[in-house]
N, C-alpha and C. Protein backbone atom coordinates (compact mmCIF):
# COMPACT_ATOMS: atom_id res chain seq x y z
N LYS A 1 0.82 -1.20 0.00
CA LYS A 1 0.00 0.00 0.00
C LYS A 1 0.86 1.25 0.00
N ASP A 2 1.88 1.28 0.82
CA ASP A 2 2.74 2.46 0.89
C ASP A 2 3.42 2.72 -0.46
N LEU A 3 3.82 1.65 -1.11
CA LEU A 3 4.47 1.77 -2.41
C LEU A 3 3.49 2.32 -3.44
N GLN A 4 2.25 1.86 -3.41
CA GLN A 4 1.25 2.34 -4.36
C GLN A 4 0.94 3.82 -4.12
N SER A 5 0.84 4.21 -2.87
CA SER A 5 0.54 5.61 -2.58
C SER A 5 1.73 6.50 -2.95
N ALA A 6 2.95 5.99 -2.79
CA ALA A 6 4.13 6.75 -3.18
C ALA A 6 4.17 6.93 -4.69
N VAL A 7 3.84 5.86 -5.41
CA VAL A 7 3.81 5.93 -6.87
C VAL A 7 2.72 6.91 -7.32
N ALA A 8 1.56 6.84 -6.70
CA ALA A 8 0.46 7.74 -7.04
C ALA A 8 0.84 9.19 -6.73
N SER A 9 1.47 9.40 -5.60
CA SER A 9 1.88 10.74 -5.21
C SER A 9 2.92 11.30 -6.19
N LYS A 10 3.87 10.47 -6.54
CA LYS A 10 4.90 10.91 -7.49
C LYS A 10 4.33 11.12 -8.88
N SER A 11 3.34 10.32 -9.25
CA SER A 11 2.69 10.51 -10.55
C SER A 11 1.95 11.84 -10.58
N LYS A 12 1.26 12.17 -9.49
CA LYS A 12 0.56 13.46 -9.40
C LYS A 12 1.56 14.62 -9.45
N ALA A 13 2.66 14.46 -8.73
CA ALA A 13 3.68 15.50 -8.72
C ALA A 13 4.28 15.68 -10.10
N SER A 14 4.50 14.56 -10.79
CA SER A 14 5.05 14.61 -12.16
C SER A 14 4.07 15.29 -13.11
N ALA A 15 2.79 14.97 -12.98
CA ALA A 15 1.78 15.59 -13.82
C ALA A 15 1.70 17.09 -13.54
N ALA A 16 1.77 17.47 -12.27
CA ALA A 16 1.75 18.89 -11.92
C ALA A 16 2.98 19.61 -12.46
N ALA A 17 4.12 18.95 -12.38
CA ALA A 17 5.35 19.54 -12.90
C ALA A 17 5.27 19.70 -14.42
N ASP A 18 4.69 18.70 -15.11
CA ASP A 18 4.52 18.80 -16.56
C ASP A 18 3.59 19.95 -16.92
N ALA A 19 2.52 20.12 -16.14
CA ALA A 19 1.59 21.22 -16.39
C ALA A 19 2.29 22.57 -16.16
N ASP A 20 3.07 22.64 -15.09
CA ASP A 20 3.82 23.88 -14.82
C ASP A 20 4.81 24.18 -15.94
N LYS A 21 5.47 23.12 -16.43
CA LYS A 21 6.44 23.29 -17.51
C LYS A 21 5.74 23.78 -18.77
N ALA A 22 4.59 23.21 -19.08
CA ALA A 22 3.84 23.63 -20.26
C ALA A 22 3.42 25.09 -20.13
N GLN A 23 2.96 25.49 -18.95
CA GLN A 23 2.56 26.87 -18.72
C GLN A 23 3.76 27.81 -18.84
N ALA A 24 4.89 27.39 -18.27
CA ALA A 24 6.10 28.20 -18.35
C ALA A 24 6.57 28.34 -19.80
N SER A 25 6.46 27.28 -20.57
CA SER A 25 6.84 27.34 -21.99
C SER A 25 5.93 28.29 -22.76
N ALA A 26 4.65 28.23 -22.48
CA ALA A 26 3.70 29.14 -23.14
C ALA A 26 3.98 30.59 -22.74
N ASP A 27 4.24 30.82 -21.45
CA ASP A 27 4.57 32.17 -20.98
C ASP A 27 5.85 32.67 -21.64
N HIS A 28 6.82 31.80 -21.77
CA HIS A 28 8.09 32.16 -22.39
C HIS A 28 7.87 32.54 -23.85
N ALA A 29 7.09 31.75 -24.56
CA ALA A 29 6.82 32.04 -25.97
C ALA A 29 6.10 33.38 -26.12
N ASN A 30 5.13 33.64 -25.24
CA ASN A 30 4.43 34.93 -25.29
C ASN A 30 5.37 36.09 -25.00
N THR A 31 6.24 35.90 -24.03
CA THR A 31 7.18 36.95 -23.66
C THR A 31 8.17 37.22 -24.79
N VAL A 32 8.65 36.17 -25.42
CA VAL A 32 9.57 36.34 -26.54
C VAL A 32 8.86 37.08 -27.69
N GLY A 33 7.64 36.72 -27.96
CA GLY A 33 6.87 37.41 -28.99
C GLY A 33 6.68 38.88 -28.67
N GLU A 34 6.37 39.16 -27.42
CA GLU A 34 6.20 40.56 -27.01
C GLU A 34 7.51 41.33 -27.11
N LEU A 35 8.62 40.70 -26.73
CA LEU A 35 9.92 41.35 -26.84
C LEU A 35 10.27 41.63 -28.30
N GLU A 36 9.96 40.71 -29.18
CA GLU A 36 10.22 40.94 -30.60
C GLU A 36 9.39 42.10 -31.12
N SER A 37 8.14 42.16 -30.70
CA SER A 37 7.26 43.25 -31.09
C SER A 37 7.79 44.58 -30.57
N LEU A 38 8.22 44.60 -29.31
CA LEU A 38 8.77 45.83 -28.74
C LEU A 38 10.08 46.22 -29.42
N GLY A 39 10.87 45.24 -29.80
CA GLY A 39 12.11 45.52 -30.53
C GLY A 39 11.82 46.17 -31.86
N GLN A 40 10.80 45.68 -32.57
CA GLN A 40 10.42 46.28 -33.85
C GLN A 40 9.90 47.70 -33.64
N TYR A 41 9.09 47.89 -32.60
CA TYR A 41 8.56 49.22 -32.28
C TYR A 41 9.71 50.18 -31.98
N ASN A 42 10.68 49.71 -31.22
CA ASN A 42 11.86 50.52 -30.90
C ASN A 42 12.61 50.89 -32.17
N ALA A 43 12.78 49.96 -33.07
CA ALA A 43 13.48 50.24 -34.33
C ALA A 43 12.71 51.27 -35.16
N ASP A 44 11.38 51.15 -35.19
CA ASP A 44 10.57 52.11 -35.92
C ASP A 44 10.70 53.51 -35.33
N LEU A 45 10.64 53.60 -34.00
CA LEU A 45 10.80 54.90 -33.35
C LEU A 45 12.19 55.48 -33.61
N HIS A 46 13.18 54.63 -33.58
CA HIS A 46 14.55 55.08 -33.83
C HIS A 46 14.66 55.66 -35.24
N GLY A 47 14.04 54.98 -36.19
CA GLY A 47 14.06 55.49 -37.56
C GLY A 47 13.37 56.83 -37.68
N GLU A 48 12.23 56.98 -37.01
CA GLU A 48 11.51 58.25 -37.05
C GLU A 48 12.33 59.36 -36.40
N CYS A 49 12.96 59.07 -35.29
CA CYS A 49 13.77 60.07 -34.60
C CYS A 49 14.98 60.45 -35.46
N ASP A 50 15.60 59.48 -36.09
CA ASP A 50 16.73 59.77 -36.97
C ASP A 50 16.29 60.70 -38.10
N PHE A 51 15.10 60.46 -38.66
CA PHE A 51 14.58 61.31 -39.74
C PHE A 51 14.39 62.73 -39.25
N VAL A 52 13.79 62.88 -38.06
CA VAL A 52 13.53 64.22 -37.51
C VAL A 52 14.86 64.93 -37.24
N LEU A 53 15.80 64.23 -36.62
CA LEU A 53 17.09 64.85 -36.32
C LEU A 53 17.85 65.21 -37.59
N LYS A 54 17.78 64.35 -38.58
CA LYS A 54 18.50 64.59 -39.84
C LYS A 54 17.96 65.83 -40.53
N ASN A 55 16.65 66.02 -40.48
CA ASN A 55 16.03 67.11 -41.21
C ASN A 55 15.72 68.32 -40.34
N PHE A 56 16.20 68.35 -39.11
CA PHE A 56 15.87 69.44 -38.20
C PHE A 56 16.34 70.78 -38.75
N ASP A 57 17.59 70.87 -39.17
CA ASP A 57 18.13 72.14 -39.66
C ASP A 57 17.38 72.63 -40.89
N ILE A 58 17.06 71.72 -41.79
CA ILE A 58 16.32 72.08 -43.00
C ILE A 58 14.94 72.60 -42.63
N ARG A 59 14.28 71.90 -41.72
CA ARG A 59 12.93 72.32 -41.30
C ARG A 59 12.98 73.64 -40.55
N GLN A 60 14.01 73.83 -39.72
CA GLN A 60 14.13 75.08 -38.97
C GLN A 60 14.34 76.26 -39.93
N LYS A 61 15.16 76.08 -40.94
CA LYS A 61 15.40 77.13 -41.93
C LYS A 61 14.11 77.44 -42.69
N ALA A 62 13.36 76.40 -43.03
CA ALA A 62 12.09 76.61 -43.74
C ALA A 62 11.11 77.37 -42.86
N ARG A 63 11.05 77.07 -41.58
CA ARG A 63 10.13 77.77 -40.67
C ARG A 63 10.53 79.23 -40.52
N LEU A 64 11.83 79.51 -40.45
CA LEU A 64 12.29 80.89 -40.36
C LEU A 64 11.90 81.66 -41.62
N GLN A 65 12.05 81.02 -42.78
CA GLN A 65 11.65 81.68 -44.03
C GLN A 65 10.15 81.93 -44.05
N GLU A 66 9.38 80.99 -43.56
CA GLU A 66 7.93 81.19 -43.50
C GLU A 66 7.57 82.35 -42.57
N MET A 67 8.26 82.42 -41.42
CA MET A 67 7.96 83.52 -40.50
C MET A 67 8.34 84.87 -41.11
N GLU A 68 9.46 84.92 -41.83
CA GLU A 68 9.85 86.17 -42.49
C GLU A 68 8.83 86.54 -43.56
N ALA A 69 8.36 85.56 -44.30
CA ALA A 69 7.36 85.83 -45.34
C ALA A 69 6.07 86.33 -44.73
N ILE A 70 5.68 85.78 -43.59
CA ILE A 70 4.47 86.23 -42.91
C ILE A 70 4.66 87.66 -42.40
N GLN A 71 5.83 87.94 -41.86
CA GLN A 71 6.10 89.31 -41.40
C GLN A 71 6.02 90.30 -42.58
N ASN A 72 6.60 89.91 -43.71
CA ASN A 72 6.54 90.77 -44.90
C ASN A 72 5.10 90.94 -45.36
N ALA A 73 4.33 89.87 -45.35
CA ALA A 73 2.93 89.95 -45.77
C ALA A 73 2.15 90.85 -44.83
N LYS A 74 2.39 90.75 -43.55
CA LYS A 74 1.71 91.62 -42.58
C LYS A 74 2.07 93.08 -42.82
N ALA A 75 3.36 93.31 -43.11
CA ALA A 75 3.81 94.68 -43.37
C ALA A 75 3.16 95.22 -44.62
N ILE A 76 3.07 94.41 -45.66
CA ILE A 76 2.43 94.84 -46.91
C ILE A 76 0.96 95.14 -46.65
N LEU A 77 0.30 94.27 -45.94
CA LEU A 77 -1.13 94.46 -45.68
C LEU A 77 -1.40 95.67 -44.79
N SER A 78 -0.48 95.99 -43.91
CA SER A 78 -0.68 97.13 -43.04
C SER A 78 -0.22 98.43 -43.70
N GLY A 79 0.40 98.34 -44.87
CA GLY A 79 0.82 99.50 -45.62
C GLY A 79 2.15 100.07 -45.20
N SER A 80 2.90 99.37 -44.36
CA SER A 80 4.17 99.91 -43.90
C SER A 80 5.37 99.21 -44.53
N TYR A 81 5.14 98.56 -45.63
CA TYR A 81 6.23 97.83 -46.29
C TYR A 81 6.98 98.78 -47.19
N ALA A 82 8.26 98.88 -46.99
CA ALA A 82 9.08 99.73 -47.85
C ALA A 82 10.26 98.91 -48.33
N LYS A 83 10.42 98.88 -49.62
CA LYS A 83 11.53 98.11 -50.18
C LYS A 83 12.71 98.97 -50.45
């Protein structure tokens, strides 16, 4: 009887360990998938930031030209523009 109960106990423990292992494997696979997704998101953000940094000076110059043009247009419209 003691041998049978020991075998049954160990069988239950083995089954529980197998279930835990299966759950851990599924959790690991989900985590790896999430990390890959986050890695891709990080790469996309990095590319966008590189684009913004690369074109910052060009965009800043364009904005300054736009502001000067608006100032000139305001001066023309107010009648105080003198060339």
